[in-house]
Protein backbone atom coordinates (compact mmCIF):
# COMPACT_ATOMS: atom_id res chain seq x y z
CA MET A 1 -48.56 6.09 -21.15
CA SER A 2 -51.31 8.23 -19.45
CA ASP A 3 -50.96 11.83 -19.34
CA ASP A 4 -50.68 11.75 -15.51
CA LYS A 5 -47.75 9.48 -16.01
CA GLU A 6 -46.07 11.79 -18.73
CA ARG A 7 -46.47 14.80 -16.07
CA THR A 8 -44.95 12.74 -13.42
CA LYS A 9 -42.12 11.67 -15.58
CA PHE A 10 -41.57 15.28 -16.79
CA ARG A 11 -41.49 16.49 -13.16
CA LYS A 12 -38.69 13.72 -12.25
CA GLU A 13 -36.72 14.75 -15.25
CA LEU A 14 -36.76 18.41 -14.15
CA GLU A 15 -35.94 17.54 -10.47
CA ARG A 16 -33.17 15.52 -11.46
CA ILE A 17 -31.50 18.02 -13.95
CA MET A 18 -32.22 21.16 -12.01
CA PRO A 19 -32.85 20.16 -8.24
CA GLY A 20 -32.29 23.83 -7.04
CA TYR A 21 -35.62 24.97 -8.44
CA ASN A 22 -39.24 24.29 -6.91
CA TRP A 23 -41.28 23.24 -10.06
CA THR A 24 -44.91 23.51 -10.85
CA ILE A 25 -46.31 21.46 -13.70
CA HIS A 26 -48.99 23.17 -15.67
CA ARG A 27 -52.10 21.61 -16.95
CA ASN A 28 -52.80 22.72 -20.58
CA ARG A 29 -56.20 24.56 -20.67
CA PHE A 30 -56.64 23.60 -24.49
CA GLN A 31 -55.75 19.99 -24.68
CA ASP A 32 -55.05 17.56 -22.10
CA THR A 33 -52.34 15.81 -23.80
CA ALA A 34 -48.60 14.63 -23.13
CA ASP A 35 -47.53 16.11 -26.40
CA TYR A 36 -47.48 19.45 -24.88
CA LEU A 37 -46.07 20.13 -21.32
CA GLU A 38 -45.22 23.10 -19.48
CA ALA A 39 -43.55 23.79 -16.14
CA THR A 40 -42.05 26.84 -14.22
CA GLY A 41 -39.34 26.46 -11.74
CA ILE A 42 -38.65 29.00 -9.29
CA GLN A 43 -35.70 29.80 -6.95
CA SER A 44 -36.31 31.93 -3.88
CA ALA A 45 -34.63 33.61 -1.04
CA GLY A 46 -37.23 34.11 1.58
CA PHE A 47 -40.20 35.85 -0.24
CA ASN A 48 -37.97 37.06 -2.97
CA ARG A 49 -37.91 35.30 -6.21
CA ILE A 50 -34.57 35.38 -7.49
CA SER A 51 -34.70 33.23 -10.44
CA THR A 52 -37.64 31.81 -12.82
CA LEU A 53 -37.03 29.04 -15.33
CA SER A 54 -39.81 28.06 -17.82
CA VAL A 55 -39.54 24.72 -19.60
CA THR A 56 -41.93 23.79 -22.47
CA ARG A 57 -41.80 20.23 -23.95
CA ARG A 58 -43.58 19.42 -27.25
CA SER A 59 -43.51 16.04 -28.92
CA LYS A 60 -43.95 15.35 -32.49
CA ASN A 61 -44.36 11.86 -33.73
CA GLY A 62 -42.81 10.80 -30.15
CA ILE A 63 -39.69 13.14 -30.39
CA PRO A 64 -39.58 15.47 -27.66
CA ARG A 65 -38.27 19.24 -28.17
CA TYR A 66 -37.60 21.34 -25.22
CA GLU A 67 -37.72 25.23 -24.96
CA VAL A 68 -36.35 26.73 -21.97
CA LYS A 69 -36.45 30.54 -21.07
CA SER A 70 -35.30 32.17 -17.96
CA ALA A 71 -35.94 35.49 -16.02
CA GLY A 72 -34.18 37.38 -13.24
CA PHE A 73 -35.38 38.93 -9.85
CA GLY A 74 -38.83 39.48 -9.30
CA LYS A 75 -42.27 37.79 -10.48
CA ARG A 76 -42.85 40.09 -13.33
CA ALA A 77 -39.27 39.98 -14.61
CA PRO A 78 -38.89 39.99 -18.26
CA TRP A 79 -37.43 36.91 -20.07
CA LEU A 80 -33.80 37.20 -20.53
CA ALA A 81 -33.11 34.64 -23.01
CA SER A 82 -34.38 31.11 -24.33
CA SER A 83 -32.79 28.14 -26.15
CA GLU A 84 -34.29 24.86 -27.63
CA SER A 85 -33.01 21.53 -28.02
CA VAL A 86 -34.13 17.89 -28.35
CA THR A 87 -32.77 17.33 -24.79
CA LEU A 88 -33.53 19.15 -21.76
CA ALA A 89 -29.92 19.14 -20.43
CA ASN A 90 -28.51 20.53 -23.74
CA ALA A 91 -31.16 23.16 -23.85
CA LEU A 92 -30.28 24.35 -20.31
CA ARG A 93 -26.51 24.25 -21.26
CA VAL A 94 -26.98 26.22 -24.32
CA LEU A 95 -28.74 28.88 -21.99
CA GLN A 96 -26.04 28.74 -19.49
CA ASN A 97 -23.33 29.32 -22.07
CA HIS A 98 -25.11 32.28 -23.48
CA TYR A 99 -25.24 33.74 -19.65
CA GLU A 100 -21.61 33.11 -19.16
CA ALA A 101 -20.47 34.69 -22.61
CA VAL A 102 -22.67 37.78 -21.90
CA ALA A 103 -21.11 37.84 -18.30
CA SER A 104 -17.70 37.71 -19.86
CA ASN A 105 -18.34 40.43 -22.30
CA TYR A 106 -19.78 42.76 -19.46
CA ALA A 107 -16.81 41.99 -17.23
CA ARG A 108 -14.62 42.77 -19.97
CA HIS A 109 -16.16 46.15 -20.57
CA ALA A 110 -16.07 46.87 -16.80
CA HIS A 111 -12.30 46.02 -16.65
CA ASP A 112 -11.88 48.41 -19.30
CA LEU A 113 -13.67 51.38 -17.66
CA GLN A 114 -11.68 50.60 -14.61
CA LEU A 115 -8.45 50.73 -16.46
CA GLY A 116 -9.57 53.96 -18.08
CA ARG A 117 -9.84 55.65 -14.51
CA GLN A 118 -6.05 54.85 -14.02
CA LYS A 119 -3.26 57.16 -15.07
CA PRO A 120 -1.14 55.30 -17.72
CA LYS A 121 2.36 54.58 -16.59
CA GLY A 122 4.77 57.26 -17.37
CA GLN A 123 2.38 60.10 -17.64
CA VAL A 124 2.99 63.12 -15.70
CA ASP A 125 0.45 65.03 -14.10
CA ALA A 126 -0.80 67.98 -16.04
CA VAL A 127 0.72 71.43 -14.78
CA ILE A 128 -1.87 74.09 -13.88
CA GLY A 129 -0.48 77.66 -14.70
CA ASN A 130 2.69 78.52 -16.30
CA PRO A 131 4.38 75.69 -18.14
CA PRO A 132 7.93 74.66 -16.87
CA GLU A 133 10.82 76.26 -18.48
CA ILE A 134 12.57 74.11 -20.92
CA PRO A 135 16.53 74.82 -20.88
CA GLU A 136 18.15 75.77 -24.14
CA SER A 137 20.72 73.46 -25.60
C-alpha cells in the first residue's frame, strides 16, 4: 500500500476511535515510509488548547505498535503519561485507566484532608483558661 494510503488509513483509524480530537498527520522528515507514522490530536475551547494527544505508529515486519502520550492545558504543556500496545484502542485504554487511577488516588487524599478539618464525633472543644473542676467522689 502506498504511503499516502497508509496515512489516510491512519487518520481514519484515529478519527474513528477518538473523534473528539482534531488530527494532524505528520510527514516524517527522515524517511517517507508507512512503517513510521505520527499524529497529533488537539481538543480546544475557543483559542485555548485543553488537551493534546500524540500517537506514533511503528510497524515492524508488518505488525504495528502504537505509542500514545497526552498533555494537559496549553501548547507547551509537558507530557503527563504514555502507554504502548499493539492496538491503538488498547494503548488509549491503558492511558485512560492510568489517569482514572491517579484521579482516584488524589480524590481519596482530598477527602482525607477534608475529614481532617472536621472535629471527630464526641470530641469537646478545648477550654481556654482554667480547666473545669472535677467533683471528688
